[in-house]
């Protein structure tokens, strides 16, 4: 029997700059897996995919309390270390481009519902755009202590919105 429990699949519509996945983090699990098989844009240029969390009041957390670090693994350039503190979102969660290119992301979120702890996320992504191919491995944290029940993905460049993607969320059951 698998320890992964499928919780939600969100279909991304056409030409949307943000995607909210709400009410997926509960007290049932401490660890969640998020899978984005292919995130694409409807524009002809790429855009970074960013992440924010949604609190138990249903509000997207936009305060400057996100820290992140990412190791960009680029086939066309040397690797790049990217990091930031006190941002209003987690950067470099992926890099989307028009179909058939795009990004694929696998991430894990730790203790989001626990209101006495920070919420951590780690991820890895792969992407392709034009002649550029690569990926990244990153970690992020929301340094606000609150109960988190969902997350938001959004296109950093609002002129290049997402198009026709899926986001799957799983709970990771721990047997004792």
Foldseek 3Di string as FASTA:
>chain_A
DALKAWQDKDKDAALDFKDWDFQRDDPQFFKKKKKWAFWAWPDADKFWKWKFFAFPVRHTQQWQQKWKWKWWFKPVDHIDIDIDHSGRIGTRQFMHYHPPWGKIKMKMWGRQQQQADKIKMWMKMWTDHDPITTIMTMMMIRPHRGGTRIMMMGTPPSVTGIHTIMMIMIGRHDDD
